[in-house]
C-alpha atoms as a PDB file:
ATOM      1  CA  MET A   1     141.428  68.416 174.095  1.00  0.00           C
ATOM      2  CA  ALA A   2     142.374  66.677 170.951  1.00  0.00           C
ATOM      3  CA  ASP A   3     144.050  68.676 168.298  1.00  0.00           C
ATOM      4  CA  VAL A   4     141.717  68.704 165.312  1.00  0.00           C
ATOM      5  CA  SER A   5     143.197  70.382 161.859  1.00  0.00           C
ATOM      6  CA  HIS A   6     141.196  70.309 158.614  1.00  0.00           C
ATOM      7  CA  ARG A   7     142.610  71.101 155.279  1.00  0.00           C
ATOM      8  CA  HIS A   8     139.947  72.852 153.536  1.00  0.00           C
ATOM      9  CA  GLY A   9     138.708  71.356 150.046  1.00  0.00           C
ATOM     10  CA  ASP A  10     140.633  67.974 150.423  1.00  0.00           C
ATOM     11  CA  ILE A  11     137.981  65.314 150.969  1.00  0.00           C
ATOM     12  CA  SER A  12     140.177  62.267 150.108  1.00  0.00           C
ATOM     13  CA  GLY A  13     139.781  61.362 153.512  1.00  0.00           C
ATOM     14  CA  HIS A  14     136.306  61.096 153.538  1.00  0.00           C
ATOM     15  CA  PRO A  15     134.656  57.118 153.373  1.00  0.00           C
ATOM     16  CA  ASP A  16     132.296  58.163 150.711  1.00  0.00           C
ATOM     17  CA  ALA A  17     135.181  59.684 148.506  1.00  0.00           C
ATOM     18  CA  PRO A  18     135.499  56.730 146.396  1.00  0.00           C
ATOM     19  CA  GLU A  19     131.794  56.329 145.660  1.00  0.00           C
ATOM     20  CA  MET A  20     131.709  59.980 144.912  1.00  0.00           C
ATOM     21  CA  ARG A  21     134.584  59.830 142.615  1.00  0.00           C
ATOM     22  CA  ASP A  22     132.731  56.967 140.562  1.00  0.00           C
ATOM     23  CA  ARG A  23     129.473  58.292 140.615  1.00  0.00           C
ATOM     24  CA  TYR A  24     130.859  61.670 138.958  1.00  0.00           C
ATOM     25  CA  ALA A  25     132.728  59.370 136.441  1.00  0.00           C
ATOM     26  CA  ARG A  26     129.763  57.625 135.521  1.00  0.00           C
ATOM     27  CA  MET A  27     127.947  61.290 135.325  1.00  0.00           C
ATOM     28  CA  LEU A  28     130.494  62.280 132.598  1.00  0.00           C
ATOM     29  CA  GLN A  29     130.676  59.230 130.728  1.00  0.00           C
ATOM     30  CA  THR A  30     126.944  59.737 129.822  1.00  0.00           C
ATOM     31  CA  ARG A  31     127.173  63.602 129.303  1.00  0.00           C
ATOM     32  CA  GLY A  32     128.265  63.470 125.665  1.00  0.00           C
ATOM     33  CA  VAL A  33     125.154  61.244 125.064  1.00  0.00           C
ATOM     34  CA  ALA A  34     122.950  63.480 126.982  1.00  0.00           C
ATOM     35  CA  ALA A  35     124.360  66.188 124.512  1.00  0.00           C
ATOM     36  CA  VAL A  36     123.430  64.329 121.418  1.00  0.00           C
ATOM     37  CA  GLU A  37     119.999  63.486 122.636  1.00  0.00           C
ATOM     38  CA  GLU A  38     119.097  67.496 123.180  1.00  0.00           C
ATOM     39  CA  LEU A  39     120.353  67.299 119.466  1.00  0.00           C
ATOM     40  CA  VAL A  40     117.217  64.856 119.197  1.00  0.00           C
ATOM     41  CA  ILE A  41     114.990  67.109 120.849  1.00  0.00           C
ATOM     42  CA  LEU A  42     115.666  70.167 118.663  1.00  0.00           C
ATOM     43  CA  ALA A  43     115.292  68.132 115.533  1.00  0.00           C
ATOM     44  CA  GLY A  44     111.925  66.767 117.053  1.00  0.00           C
ATOM     45  CA  VAL A  45     110.725  70.398 117.268  1.00  0.00           C
ATOM     46  CA  TYR A  46     111.654  71.192 113.933  1.00  0.00           C
ATOM     47  CA  ALA A  47     109.958  68.195 112.514  1.00  0.00           C
ATOM     48  CA  ALA A  48     106.724  69.348 114.523  1.00  0.00           C
ATOM     49  CA  ILE A  49     106.612  72.684 113.203  1.00  0.00           C
ATOM     50  CA  SER A  50     108.644  72.003 109.526  1.00  0.00           C
ATOM     51  CA  ALA A  51     105.217  71.965 107.954  1.00  0.00           C
ATOM     52  CA  TRP A  52     104.480  75.921 108.825  1.00  0.00           C
ATOM     53  CA  THR A  53     107.952  76.951 108.360  1.00  0.00           C
ATOM     54  CA  VAL A  54     108.363  75.587 104.869  1.00  0.00           C
ATOM     55  CA  HIS A  55     104.335  76.436 104.199  1.00  0.00           C
ATOM     56  CA  PHE A  56     103.277  73.005 103.334  1.00  0.00           C
ATOM     57  CA  ALA A  57     100.535  72.507 105.750  1.00  0.00           C
ATOM     58  CA  ALA A  58      97.754  73.727 103.805  1.00  0.00           C
ATOM     59  CA  ALA A  59      98.561  72.465 100.385  1.00  0.00           C
ATOM     60  CA  ARG A  60      99.930  69.159 101.939  1.00  0.00           C
ATOM     61  CA  PRO A  61      97.797  68.750 105.567  1.00  0.00           C
ATOM     62  CA  GLU A  62      98.276  64.849 105.648  1.00  0.00           C
ATOM     63  CA  LEU A  63     102.072  65.550 105.818  1.00  0.00           C
ATOM     64  CA  ALA A  64     101.920  68.212 108.175  1.00  0.00           C
ATOM     65  CA  ILE A  65     100.128  65.901 110.312  1.00  0.00           C
ATOM     66  CA  SER A  66     102.244  63.325 110.108  1.00  0.00           C
ATOM     67  CA  ASN A  67     105.069  65.431 110.556  1.00  0.00           C
ATOM     68  CA  LEU A  68     103.731  67.110 113.637  1.00  0.00           C
ATOM     69  CA  VAL A  69     103.160  63.696 115.077  1.00  0.00           C
ATOM     70  CA  VAL A  70     106.547  62.191 114.697  1.00  0.00           C
ATOM     71  CA  GLY A  71     108.172  65.434 115.441  1.00  0.00           C
ATOM     72  CA  ILE A  72     106.328  65.481 118.952  1.00  0.00           C
ATOM     73  CA  GLY A  73     106.988  62.048 119.572  1.00  0.00           C
ATOM     74  CA  ILE A  74     111.005  61.960 118.767  1.00  0.00           C
ATOM     75  CA  ALA A  75     111.475  65.238 120.816  1.00  0.00           C
ATOM     76  CA  VAL A  76     109.587  63.581 123.730  1.00  0.00           C
ATOM     77  CA  LEU A  77     111.917  60.207 123.230  1.00  0.00           C
ATOM     78  CA  GLY A  78     114.782  62.761 123.233  1.00  0.00           C
ATOM     79  CA  LEU A  79     113.582  64.309 126.366  1.00  0.00           C
ATOM     80  CA  CYS A  80     113.151  61.126 128.170  1.00  0.00           C
ATOM     81  CA  MET A  81     116.816  59.603 126.728  1.00  0.00           C
ATOM     82  CA  SER A  82     118.635  62.615 127.787  1.00  0.00           C
ATOM     83  CA  MET A  83     117.124  62.610 131.530  1.00  0.00           C
ATOM     84  CA  VAL A  84     118.246  58.811 131.703  1.00  0.00           C
ATOM     85  CA  PRO A  85     120.928  58.681 128.883  1.00  0.00           C
ATOM     86  CA  GLU A  86     122.172  55.401 130.346  1.00  0.00           C
ATOM     87  CA  ARG A  87     118.963  53.410 130.178  1.00  0.00           C
ATOM     88  CA  SER A  88     118.308  54.681 126.276  1.00  0.00           C
ATOM     89  CA  GLN A  89     119.469  52.383 124.169  1.00  0.00           C
ATOM     90  CA  ASP A  90     116.442  50.644 123.126  1.00  0.00           C
ATOM     91  CA  LEU A  91     114.527  54.423 122.948  1.00  0.00           C
ATOM     92  CA  ASN A  92     117.534  54.875 120.029  1.00  0.00           C
ATOM     93  CA  PHE A  93     116.345  52.387 118.164  1.00  0.00           C
ATOM     94  CA  VAL A  94     112.876  53.749 117.915  1.00  0.00           C
ATOM     95  CA  VAL A  95     114.136  57.537 117.112  1.00  0.00           C
ATOM     96  CA  LEU A  96     116.386  55.978 114.410  1.00  0.00           C
ATOM     97  CA  LEU A  97     112.953  54.116 112.548  1.00  0.00           C
ATOM     98  CA  LEU A  98     111.247  57.791 113.305  1.00  0.00           C
ATOM     99  CA  GLY A  99     113.702  59.228 111.330  1.00  0.00           C
ATOM    100  CA  ALA A 100     113.849  56.907 108.731  1.00  0.00           C
ATOM    101  CA  TRP A 101     110.011  57.482 108.614  1.00  0.00           C
ATOM    102  CA  LEU A 102     110.706  61.347 108.159  1.00  0.00           C
ATOM    103  CA  ILE A 103     112.730  60.549 105.013  1.00  0.00           C
ATOM    104  CA  VAL A 104     110.220  58.361 103.253  1.00  0.00           C
ATOM    105  CA  SER A 105     107.141  60.120 104.201  1.00  0.00           C
ATOM    106  CA  PRO A 106     106.713  62.720 101.528  1.00  0.00           C
ATOM    107  CA  TRP A 107     106.479  60.209  99.095  1.00  0.00           C
ATOM    108  CA  VAL A 108     104.333  57.552 101.132  1.00  0.00           C
ATOM    109  CA  VAL A 109     102.400  60.150 102.928  1.00  0.00           C
ATOM    110  CA  THR A 110     101.161  62.398 100.086  1.00  0.00           C
ATOM    111  CA  ARG A 111     101.338  62.518  95.933  1.00  0.00           C
ATOM    112  CA  GLY A 112     103.852  64.533  94.022  1.00  0.00           C
ATOM    113  CA  PRO A 113     105.673  66.472  97.229  1.00  0.00           C
ATOM    114  CA  ASP A 114     107.619  69.449  95.985  1.00  0.00           C
ATOM    115  CA  THR A 115     111.233  70.274  96.742  1.00  0.00           C
ATOM    116  CA  GLY A 116     110.770  72.179  99.939  1.00  0.00           C
ATOM    117  CA  MET A 117     108.799  69.146 101.472  1.00  0.00           C
ATOM    118  CA  ILE A 118     111.533  66.581 100.284  1.00  0.00           C
ATOM    119  CA  LEU A 119     114.478  68.510 101.590  1.00  0.00           C
ATOM    120  CA  SER A 120     112.904  69.528 104.588  1.00  0.00           C
ATOM    121  CA  ASN A 121     112.172  66.044 105.683  1.00  0.00           C
ATOM    122  CA  VAL A 122     114.882  64.177 104.300  1.00  0.00           C
ATOM    123  CA  ILE A 123     117.474  66.459 105.948  1.00  0.00           C
ATOM    124  CA  THR A 124     115.442  66.127 109.223  1.00  0.00           C
ATOM    125  CA  GLY A 125     115.087  62.716 109.170  1.00  0.00           C
ATOM    126  CA  ALA A 126     119.054  62.270 108.379  1.00  0.00           C
ATOM    127  CA  CYS A 127     119.576  64.216 111.401  1.00  0.00           C
ATOM    128  CA  VAL A 128     117.607  62.387 113.329  1.00  0.00           C
ATOM    129  CA  CYS A 129     119.009  59.281 112.369  1.00  0.00           C
ATOM    130  CA  LEU A 130     122.490  60.324 112.403  1.00  0.00           C
ATOM    131  CA  PHE A 131     122.014  61.465 116.181  1.00  0.00           C
ATOM    132  CA  ALA A 132     120.189  58.275 117.027  1.00  0.00           C
ATOM    133  CA  LEU A 133     123.227  56.249 115.520  1.00  0.00           C
ATOM    134  CA  THR A 134     125.703  58.591 117.416  1.00  0.00           C
ATOM    135  CA  ALA A 135     123.984  58.409 120.762  1.00  0.00           C
ATOM    136  CA  GLY A 136     123.764  54.581 120.271  1.00  0.00           C
ATOM    137  CA  GLY A 137     127.455  54.380 119.368  1.00  0.00           C
ATOM    138  CA  LEU A 138     128.392  56.579 122.364  1.00  0.00           C
ATOM    139  CA  LEU A 139     126.291  54.279 124.864  1.00  0.00           C
ATOM    140  CA  MET A 140     127.543  51.256 123.518  1.00  0.00           C
ATOM    141  CA  SER A 141     131.270  52.238 123.703  1.00  0.00           C
ATOM    142  CA  LYS A 142     130.693  53.544 127.519  1.00  0.00           C
ATOM    143  CA  ASN A 143     129.318  50.188 128.547  1.00  0.00           C
ATOM    144  CA  LYS A 144     131.847  48.062 126.488  1.00  0.00           C
ATOM    145  CA  GLY A 145     134.590  50.170 128.753  1.00  0.00           C
ATOM    146  CA  ARG A 146     132.510  49.589 132.130  1.00  0.00           C
ATOM    147  CA  THR A 147     132.470  45.719 131.659  1.00  0.00           C
END
């Protein structure tokens, strides 16, 4: 009978240990990107409901519909990117464009926007653009480190 003694918690001799370490390292590298993309989701949800929270849905229904559609689009893209952050580089550009649209939409979609509409859209759009640029920068630095 062979004497087999195991140290509990030590898997360094396991044949899959190097692969598990690499996989865990890749997961940690994209964790920060996923956190930024979750902020994109929140910003998209706010953009979608902003017309009702800032109370301009009745006065400017065209801007309310634009914000609703763009906000839902941003939230869905943010959800997709947070689920698979290592493949979200191209989607970050789309989110950046949608954020830019939020910034200019009060003047493009409606005439004579009031201060609440302007502030809500410009601040939300700027946050979306900042989050998209941050996530893109994090992804580029992670990809540069792997090559």
